Protein backbone atom coordinates (compact mmCIF):
# COMPACT_ATOMS: atom_id res chain seq x y z
CA MET A 1 0.00 0.00 0.00
CA ILE A 2 1.34 3.42 -0.91
CA GLN A 3 1.42 5.77 2.03
CA SER A 4 1.30 9.51 1.67
CA TYR A 5 4.63 11.28 1.75
CA PRO A 6 6.28 12.85 3.64
CA ASN A 7 6.45 10.54 6.58
CA VAL A 8 6.86 12.20 9.94
CA ILE A 9 10.57 12.76 10.45
CA GLU A 10 11.60 12.15 14.04
CA PRO A 11 14.19 14.48 15.61
CA ASP A 12 16.90 11.80 15.71
CA LEU A 13 16.38 11.11 12.01
CA THR A 14 16.60 14.83 11.23
CA VAL A 15 19.98 14.94 12.99
CA ALA A 16 21.15 11.78 11.19
CA ILE A 17 20.13 13.20 7.80
CA SER A 18 22.03 16.40 8.54
CA LYS A 19 25.12 14.34 9.41
CA TRP A 20 24.69 12.34 6.20
CA GLN A 21 24.43 15.53 4.12
CA PHE A 22 27.71 16.76 5.59
CA GLY A 23 29.53 13.45 5.16
CA ASP A 24 29.54 12.36 8.82
CA TYR A 25 28.63 8.79 7.91
CA SER A 26 29.90 6.86 10.93
CA SER A 27 27.06 7.83 13.25
CA CYS A 28 24.20 8.53 10.86
CA PHE A 29 23.55 5.17 9.21
CA PRO A 30 22.43 3.20 12.28
CA VAL A 31 19.71 5.81 12.87
CA ILE A 32 18.75 6.04 9.20
CA GLU A 33 18.56 2.26 8.89
CA HIS A 34 16.45 2.03 12.07
CA HIS A 35 13.89 4.40 10.57
CA ALA A 36 14.06 2.71 7.16
CA GLN A 37 13.15 -0.59 8.82
CA LYS A 38 10.11 1.20 10.29
CA ASP A 39 8.98 2.17 6.74
CA ASN A 40 10.09 5.79 6.75
CA ALA A 41 10.24 6.54 3.02
CA HIS A 42 12.87 9.26 3.32
CA ALA A 43 15.21 7.01 5.31
CA GLN A 44 14.66 4.23 2.77
CA PHE A 45 15.46 6.63 -0.07
CA ILE A 46 18.69 7.74 1.59
CA LEU A 47 19.79 4.13 2.17
CA GLY A 48 19.01 3.09 -1.40
CA SER A 49 20.73 6.13 -2.87
CA SER A 50 23.75 5.69 -0.61
CA TYR A 51 24.20 2.04 -1.59
CA TYR A 52 24.18 3.12 -5.23
CA THR A 53 26.27 6.29 -5.04
CA GLU A 54 28.67 5.03 -2.34
CA PHE A 55 28.00 8.07 -0.14
CA GLY A 56 29.02 6.46 3.14
CA LEU A 57 28.18 2.87 2.21
CA PRO A 58 29.87 0.37 -0.08
CA LYS A 59 28.26 -0.05 -3.50
CA ASP A 60 25.63 -2.78 -3.30
CA LEU A 61 23.10 -2.80 -6.15
CA ASP A 62 20.89 -5.40 -4.47
CA GLN A 63 20.54 -3.22 -1.36
CA ALA A 64 20.08 -0.09 -3.49
CA VAL A 65 17.20 -1.65 -5.42
CA TYR A 66 15.68 -3.13 -2.24
CA TRP A 67 15.59 0.16 -0.36
CA LEU A 68 14.53 2.27 -3.35
CA GLU A 69 11.66 -0.15 -4.06
CA ARG A 70 10.51 0.17 -0.44
CA ALA A 71 10.76 3.98 -0.65
CA VAL A 72 8.61 3.89 -3.80
CA GLU A 73 6.04 1.69 -2.04
CA ASN A 74 5.94 4.14 0.86
CA GLY A 75 5.32 7.17 -1.32
CA HIS A 76 8.70 8.89 -1.66
CA PRO A 77 8.30 11.30 -4.58
CA ILE A 78 11.78 11.04 -6.12
CA ALA A 79 12.55 7.38 -5.39
CA PRO A 80 10.75 6.11 -8.52
CA LEU A 81 13.05 8.23 -10.71
CA HIS A 82 16.20 6.99 -8.99
CA LEU A 83 15.03 3.40 -9.15
CA ALA A 84 14.10 3.69 -12.82
CA MET A 85 17.47 5.20 -13.73
CA LEU A 86 19.29 2.47 -11.80
CA VAL A 87 17.50 -0.46 -13.43
CA ASP A 88 16.33 0.86 -16.84
CA PRO A 89 17.64 -1.62 -19.42
CA THR A 90 17.50 1.11 -22.09
CA ASN A 91 19.76 3.44 -20.04
CA GLU A 92 23.36 2.76 -20.99
CA LEU A 93 24.48 4.09 -17.59
CA ALA A 94 22.19 1.77 -15.61
CA GLU A 95 24.17 -0.79 -13.67
CA ASP A 96 21.40 -3.24 -12.87
CA LYS A 97 19.36 -4.31 -15.87
CA ARG A 98 17.20 -7.00 -14.27
CA VAL A 99 13.85 -5.33 -14.84
CA SER A 100 11.86 -4.75 -17.99
CA ALA A 101 11.83 -1.46 -19.85
CA GLU A 102 8.09 -1.31 -19.13
CA LYS A 103 8.64 -1.44 -15.36
CA ALA A 104 11.31 1.23 -15.59
CA ALA A 105 8.92 3.38 -17.67
CA ARG A 106 6.19 2.98 -15.02
CA ASN A 107 8.64 4.19 -12.35
CA TYR A 108 9.62 7.20 -14.49
CA THR A 109 5.93 8.07 -14.93
CA LEU A 110 5.16 7.60 -11.23
CA GLY A 111 8.15 9.73 -10.25
CA PHE A 112 7.14 12.45 -12.68
CA GLU A 113 3.56 12.48 -11.36
CA ARG A 114 4.72 12.66 -7.72
CA CYS A 115 7.22 15.42 -8.47
CA LYS A 116 4.59 17.39 -10.36
CA LEU A 117 2.12 17.19 -7.46
CA GLY A 118 4.75 18.31 -4.97
CA ALA A 119 6.07 21.05 -7.25
CA GLU A 120 2.60 22.45 -7.82
CA ALA A 121 2.12 22.45 -4.04
CA GLY A 122 5.23 24.64 -3.66
CA ASN A 123 7.99 22.16 -2.73
CA ALA A 124 11.22 23.69 -4.10
CA HIS A 125 13.12 20.38 -4.14
CA LEU A 126 10.36 18.74 -6.19
CA MET A 127 10.27 21.76 -8.51
CA ALA A 128 13.93 21.09 -9.26
CA ALA A 129 13.26 17.38 -9.76
CA LEU A 130 10.37 18.22 -12.09
CA ALA A 131 12.67 20.48 -14.09
CA GLY A 132 14.97 17.48 -14.49
CA CYS A 133 12.07 15.29 -15.64
CA TYR A 134 11.15 17.80 -18.34
CA SER A 135 14.78 18.37 -19.32
CA LEU A 136 15.55 14.66 -19.74
CA GLY A 137 12.09 13.44 -20.74
CA LEU A 138 11.70 11.21 -17.67
CA GLY A 139 8.08 10.10 -17.31
CA THR A 140 6.92 12.82 -19.70
CA ASP A 141 7.77 14.33 -23.05
CA GLN A 142 11.00 16.30 -23.14
CA ASP A 143 10.20 20.02 -22.92
CA GLN A 144 13.04 22.50 -22.39
CA ALA A 145 10.66 25.45 -21.89
CA LEU A 146 8.95 23.68 -18.98
CA ALA A 147 12.33 22.54 -17.65
CA GLU A 148 13.53 26.15 -17.56
CA LYS A 149 10.24 27.33 -16.03
CA TRP A 150 10.41 24.81 -13.17
CA SER A 151 14.12 25.40 -12.67
CA ALA A 152 13.44 29.13 -12.26
CA GLU A 153 10.49 28.37 -9.93
CA ALA A 154 12.73 26.13 -7.80
CA GLN A 155 15.40 28.81 -7.54
CA ALA A 156 12.81 31.47 -6.69
CA ALA A 157 11.45 29.17 -3.98
CA GLY A 158 14.91 28.94 -2.41
CA TYR A 159 16.22 25.70 -3.88
CA LYS A 160 20.02 25.53 -3.82
CA TRP A 161 21.48 23.32 -6.55
CA PRO A 162 23.82 20.67 -5.08
CA LEU A 163 27.53 21.02 -5.68
CA ARG A 164 28.36 17.29 -5.67
């Protein structure tokens, strides 16, 4: 069952996420994993992404797919896009090609729809993600004008583009 996102983020998880963002991995992952086990979609997304990107965890595609799939099930808005990019057999950069192109396409579409809902509700991070969907044609037709519009909206709403 898909839960609504965002899950409530407990204070200890907020601290752990802050540590993760600043590269203090040694103490953050036990807390993040604890909350991921309790079906917190954001914690699941961080674990899945970290197993794929090697931000604080060793690369493990099985764990990345497992946690991203759980984050998708629990309503995380961007997890479907990350999962689709990771497993899309038509993406030459995808490292895990065990799923069908149709399943990857469904995840792109779901991610686009979730990002659009959040962006239209004023979430700056999801505005930026939506700009990326339009720019790359993920879950929607490629449209540079809409990509630029949502990128400008995200910046106006205070979104800071990551430096990594």
